Amino acid sequence: MKTVPAFYLVARRKRYQLISLVFAMVLLFPSQAMTATQASVNFGSADSFAVLAGTTITSASGGTIDGNIGVWPNTAFVPGVPPVIVNGTVHLGDPIAAQAMSDMTNAYNDASGRTLGVIVSDGELGGHTLAPGLYKSAPGSFSITSVDLTLDAQGDTNAVWIFQMESTLTVGTGRKVILSGGAQAKNIYWQVGSSATLDTTSVFKGNILAWIAISLNTGAKLDGKAFAHTAAVTLDGTDVINQPHFVGLPWMILFMD
């Protein structure tokens, strides 16, 4: 029988011990990048909606909304002159609008309750290029007023951004949210504690979950959702393009009652 030298057995045992230690460290102490990764926010039945409001959806004139719209508990919808074009179903005070608003509330609470890997930021986002993550406003509000904001997914098309603010979101005239590196508007969430304003001709990306109201001024464009829990969503020649999270389903199914 061949005899294995004792020093070889000791070396092999130490090697296995080292490998076990490395695996234990990976399991017990995941990297910051891993812990900071955010899951998407579940909209439930509200996913097929482009605009939701508590009191009214009001359009001054023109524009297009791609997706369902709903008002609950009130029932007011003012389409404007010429009327805004709605490529979806209008739900005013009905059970479908009620369920969508309930699911929107759950989504809002989810986004506002996230704490894992939070990055505390100042109020002005313009001029920054931000990687995916959870961003919380130190002063309580976010704005994009001086320069455009870029969100870089770094090649990950499932990358998620969540922006938490206790008060307002303000986007200045002509300002843009620019997506790069495979970033998708449907994976961006703006949790607004009070109201959001997108000023004239601004181009915005992501889902706005405002507790009070949303104003999209003349010619503004939103790739995402405009959800106002308590009050109104106001439009003026605005384009709102819903970016649903359903994958592999025909677009028409999203508009079925």
Protein backbone atom coordinates (compact mmCIF):
# COMPACT_ATOMS: atom_id res chain seq x y z
CA MET A 1 0.00 0.00 0.00
CA LYS A 2 1.22 3.47 -0.88
CA THR A 3 1.83 5.72 2.15
CA VAL A 4 0.80 9.39 1.90
CA PRO A 5 3.28 11.68 3.64
CA ALA A 6 1.92 13.34 6.78
CA PHE A 7 2.88 16.83 5.59
CA TYR A 8 0.71 16.30 2.47
CA LEU A 9 -2.31 15.36 4.55
CA VAL A 10 -1.83 18.42 6.74
CA ALA A 11 -1.52 20.71 3.70
CA ARG A 12 -4.63 19.25 2.10
CA ARG A 13 -6.61 19.63 5.34
CA LYS A 14 -5.57 23.28 5.65
CA ARG A 15 -6.56 23.85 2.04
CA TYR A 16 -10.09 22.50 2.67
CA GLN A 17 -10.33 24.57 5.84
CA LEU A 18 -9.41 27.70 3.87
CA ILE A 19 -12.01 26.95 1.18
CA SER A 20 -14.67 26.40 3.86
CA LEU A 21 -13.74 29.70 5.49
CA VAL A 22 -14.06 31.56 2.17
CA PHE A 23 -17.54 30.10 1.54
CA ALA A 24 -18.61 31.00 5.06
CA MET A 25 -17.48 34.60 4.58
CA VAL A 26 -19.40 34.85 1.32
CA LEU A 27 -22.57 33.55 2.98
CA LEU A 28 -22.31 35.54 6.18
CA PHE A 29 -20.81 38.76 4.85
CA PRO A 30 -22.16 39.47 1.33
CA SER A 31 -20.60 42.34 -0.57
CA GLN A 32 -22.05 45.84 -0.33
CA ALA A 33 -23.04 45.64 -4.00
CA MET A 34 -25.10 42.54 -3.26
CA THR A 35 -26.84 43.95 -0.20
CA ALA A 36 -27.58 47.25 -1.94
CA THR A 37 -29.36 45.63 -4.89
CA GLN A 38 -33.01 46.65 -4.93
CA ALA A 39 -35.93 44.50 -5.96
CA SER A 40 -38.57 46.01 -8.23
CA VAL A 41 -41.75 47.43 -6.71
CA ASN A 42 -44.91 45.39 -7.30
CA PHE A 43 -47.80 47.44 -8.70
CA GLY A 44 -50.31 44.61 -8.75
CA SER A 45 -53.40 45.51 -10.78
CA ALA A 46 -52.15 49.11 -11.10
CA ASP A 47 -49.41 47.97 -13.47
CA SER A 48 -51.61 48.44 -16.55
CA PHE A 49 -52.42 52.04 -15.53
CA ALA A 50 -50.52 55.06 -16.82
CA VAL A 51 -52.36 57.62 -14.66
CA LEU A 52 -54.16 57.27 -11.33
CA ALA A 53 -55.61 60.07 -9.21
CA GLY A 54 -57.64 60.43 -6.05
CA THR A 55 -59.80 63.36 -7.14
CA THR A 56 -59.46 64.12 -10.85
CA ILE A 57 -57.42 63.72 -14.00
CA THR A 58 -57.44 67.03 -15.85
CA SER A 59 -55.95 67.78 -19.26
CA ALA A 60 -55.87 71.33 -20.60
CA SER A 61 -55.47 70.23 -24.20
CA GLY A 62 -54.08 67.48 -26.38
CA GLY A 63 -51.43 64.95 -25.57
CA THR A 64 -51.49 61.16 -25.39
CA ILE A 65 -51.78 58.65 -22.57
CA ASP A 66 -50.71 55.10 -23.41
CA GLY A 67 -52.27 52.88 -20.73
CA ASN A 68 -55.35 52.76 -18.56
CA ILE A 69 -56.38 55.74 -16.45
CA GLY A 70 -58.36 55.73 -13.22
CA VAL A 71 -59.84 57.98 -10.56
CA TRP A 72 -60.82 56.80 -7.10
CA PRO A 73 -62.64 57.57 -4.84
CA ASN A 74 -63.81 60.51 -6.98
CA THR A 75 -64.92 60.20 -10.59
CA ALA A 76 -63.79 63.36 -12.42
CA PHE A 77 -61.98 63.24 -15.74
CA VAL A 78 -61.56 66.41 -17.84
CA PRO A 79 -60.10 65.45 -21.24
CA GLY A 80 -59.54 69.04 -22.44
CA VAL A 81 -59.95 70.73 -25.83
CA PRO A 82 -58.77 69.12 -28.02
CA PRO A 83 -59.10 66.06 -25.82
CA VAL A 84 -56.17 64.03 -24.61
CA ILE A 85 -56.02 60.68 -26.44
CA VAL A 86 -56.24 57.71 -24.09
CA ASN A 87 -54.96 54.46 -25.56
CA GLY A 88 -56.47 52.36 -22.80
CA THR A 89 -59.56 52.04 -20.63
CA VAL A 90 -60.97 54.84 -18.48
CA HIS A 91 -62.06 53.75 -14.96
CA LEU A 92 -63.88 56.40 -12.94
CA GLY A 93 -64.86 55.44 -9.40
CA ASP A 94 -65.41 51.81 -10.30
CA PRO A 95 -64.11 48.66 -8.52
CA ILE A 96 -61.19 48.36 -10.93
CA ALA A 97 -60.03 51.89 -10.12
CA ALA A 98 -60.50 51.18 -6.41
CA GLN A 99 -58.34 48.05 -6.58
CA ALA A 100 -55.68 49.84 -8.62
CA MET A 101 -55.53 52.64 -6.05
CA SER A 102 -55.23 50.10 -3.25
CA ASP A 103 -52.37 48.39 -5.05
CA MET A 104 -50.77 51.76 -5.72
CA THR A 105 -50.88 52.47 -1.97
CA ASN A 106 -49.13 49.18 -1.29
CA ALA A 107 -46.47 50.04 -3.87
CA TYR A 108 -45.98 53.48 -2.31
CA ASN A 109 -45.54 51.97 1.14
CA ASP A 110 -43.09 49.42 -0.22
CA ALA A 111 -40.94 52.09 -1.90
CA SER A 112 -41.03 54.43 1.11
CA GLY A 113 -40.20 51.63 3.53
CA ARG A 114 -37.00 50.46 1.86
CA THR A 115 -33.83 50.90 3.96
CA LEU A 116 -31.34 48.35 2.62
CA GLY A 117 -28.22 50.02 1.23
CA VAL A 118 -29.69 53.53 1.38
CA ILE A 119 -27.56 56.34 -0.06
CA VAL A 120 -28.33 59.73 1.48
CA SER A 121 -28.16 62.44 -1.17
CA ASP A 122 -28.50 66.19 -1.39
CA GLY A 123 -31.57 67.63 -3.04
CA GLU A 124 -30.19 68.48 -6.49
CA LEU A 125 -29.79 65.49 -8.81
CA GLY A 126 -28.95 67.45 -11.95
CA GLY A 127 -25.44 66.92 -13.24
CA HIS A 128 -25.03 63.50 -11.61
CA THR A 129 -24.61 60.06 -13.15
CA LEU A 130 -26.10 57.56 -10.71
CA ALA A 131 -25.68 53.80 -10.49
CA PRO A 132 -28.66 51.65 -9.47
CA GLY A 133 -29.63 51.83 -5.82
CA LEU A 134 -31.79 53.38 -3.12
CA TYR A 135 -31.42 57.15 -2.81
CA LYS A 136 -32.92 59.21 0.01
CA SER A 137 -33.08 63.01 0.00
CA ALA A 138 -31.42 64.55 3.05
CA PRO A 139 -33.39 67.84 2.78
CA GLY A 140 -36.59 65.94 2.01
CA SER A 141 -37.01 66.90 -1.65
CA PHE A 142 -35.35 66.12 -4.96
CA SER A 143 -34.96 68.41 -7.96
CA ILE A 144 -33.46 68.31 -11.44
CA THR A 145 -33.16 71.96 -12.33
CA SER A 146 -29.67 73.00 -13.41
CA VAL A 147 -28.43 70.09 -15.56
CA ASP A 148 -29.84 66.77 -16.75
CA LEU A 149 -29.67 63.57 -14.67
CA THR A 150 -28.18 60.34 -16.06
CA LEU A 151 -29.03 56.89 -14.70
CA ASP A 152 -26.48 54.25 -15.73
CA ALA A 153 -27.48 50.58 -15.40
CA GLN A 154 -23.91 49.46 -16.18
CA GLY A 155 -25.17 46.73 -18.50
CA ASP A 156 -27.86 45.35 -16.20
CA THR A 157 -31.27 45.74 -17.86
CA ASN A 158 -32.98 44.72 -14.59
CA ALA A 159 -31.24 47.42 -12.54
CA VAL A 160 -33.56 49.26 -10.13
CA TRP A 161 -33.49 52.81 -8.77
CA ILE A 162 -35.69 54.02 -5.91
CA PHE A 163 -35.73 57.69 -4.93
CA GLN A 164 -37.29 58.50 -1.55
CA MET A 165 -38.36 62.02 -0.61
CA GLU A 166 -40.55 63.28 2.20
CA SER A 167 -41.79 66.33 0.31
CA THR A 168 -41.54 67.42 -3.34
CA LEU A 169 -40.08 66.40 -6.70
CA THR A 170 -39.33 69.26 -9.11
CA VAL A 171 -38.06 68.93 -12.68
CA GLY A 172 -37.09 72.18 -14.39
CA THR A 173 -38.02 73.44 -17.85
CA GLY A 174 -36.47 71.30 -20.56
CA ARG A 175 -34.57 69.10 -18.11
CA LYS A 176 -34.18 65.39 -18.85
CA VAL A 177 -33.60 62.08 -17.16
CA ILE A 178 -31.22 60.23 -19.48
CA LEU A 179 -30.95 56.44 -19.39
CA SER A 180 -27.74 54.59 -20.27
CA GLY A 181 -26.15 51.18 -19.92
CA GLY A 182 -29.42 49.30 -20.49
CA ALA A 183 -31.48 51.21 -17.89
CA GLN A 184 -35.27 50.93 -18.28
CA ALA A 185 -37.88 53.46 -17.21
CA LYS A 186 -40.11 50.75 -15.73
CA ASN A 187 -37.43 49.99 -13.11
CA ILE A 188 -37.22 53.55 -11.75
CA TYR A 189 -39.42 54.59 -8.82
CA TRP A 190 -39.92 58.10 -7.45
CA GLN A 191 -41.65 57.98 -4.04
CA VAL A 192 -42.84 61.54 -3.39
CA GLY A 193 -44.13 62.48 0.06
CA SER A 194 -46.23 65.39 -1.22
CA SER A 195 -46.39 66.57 -4.86
CA ALA A 196 -44.40 66.33 -8.09
CA THR A 197 -44.02 68.93 -10.85
CA LEU A 198 -42.57 68.28 -14.29
CA ASP A 199 -42.08 71.66 -15.92
CA THR A 200 -42.52 72.66 -19.57
CA THR A 201 -40.96 70.32 -22.20
CA SER A 202 -39.16 68.23 -19.60
CA VAL A 203 -38.51 64.56 -20.41
CA PHE A 204 -38.81 62.30 -17.40
CA LYS A 205 -38.24 58.58 -16.86
CA GLY A 206 -39.77 56.37 -14.21
CA ASN A 207 -42.82 55.79 -12.09
CA ILE A 208 -43.99 58.71 -9.93
CA LEU A 209 -45.83 57.67 -6.77
CA ALA A 210 -46.93 60.95 -5.19
CA TRP A 211 -48.97 61.02 -2.01
CA ILE A 212 -50.79 64.22 -2.99
CA ALA A 213 -50.67 65.54 -6.58
CA ILE A 214 -48.76 65.54 -9.86
CA SER A 215 -48.51 68.37 -12.41
CA LEU A 216 -47.12 67.76 -15.88
CA ASN A 217 -46.80 71.15 -17.54
CA THR A 218 -47.04 72.05 -21.24
CA GLY A 219 -45.28 69.57 -23.49
CA ALA A 220 -43.75 67.48 -20.71
CA LYS A 221 -43.17 63.79 -21.49
CA LEU A 222 -43.24 60.97 -18.97
CA ASP A 223 -42.06 57.44 -19.72
CA GLY A 224 -43.64 55.66 -16.78
CA LYS A 225 -46.62 56.11 -14.48
CA ALA A 226 -48.17 59.18 -12.84
CA PHE A 227 -49.93 58.08 -9.64
CA ALA A 228 -51.34 60.67 -7.23
CA HIS A 229 -52.92 59.13 -4.15
CA THR A 230 -54.90 61.99 -2.60
CA ALA A 231 -55.50 64.70 -5.18
CA ALA A 232 -55.21 65.36 -8.93
CA VAL A 233 -53.01 64.61 -11.89
CA THR A 234 -52.92 67.67 -14.16
CA LEU A 235 -51.76 67.50 -17.77
CA ASP A 236 -51.27 70.00 -20.61
CA GLY A 237 -50.35 68.63 -24.01
CA THR A 238 -48.50 65.91 -22.16
CA ASP A 239 -47.48 62.44 -23.30
CA VAL A 240 -47.53 59.70 -20.66
CA ILE A 241 -46.28 56.32 -21.85
CA ASN A 242 -46.86 53.49 -19.42
CA GLN A 243 -44.02 50.99 -19.10
CA PRO A 244 -45.74 47.83 -17.75
CA HIS A 245 -43.80 45.19 -15.86
CA PHE A 246 -45.65 42.23 -17.41
CA VAL A 247 -43.32 40.24 -19.63
CA GLY A 248 -44.36 38.13 -22.58
CA LEU A 249 -48.00 39.24 -22.65
CA PRO A 250 -49.63 40.95 -25.61
CA TRP A 251 -50.07 44.69 -25.05
CA MET A 252 -53.83 44.41 -25.51
CA ILE A 253 -54.13 42.12 -22.49
CA LEU A 254 -52.92 44.92 -20.25
CA PHE A 255 -56.03 46.92 -21.07
CA MET A 256 -58.57 44.18 -20.45
CA ASP A 257 -61.03 44.71 -17.60
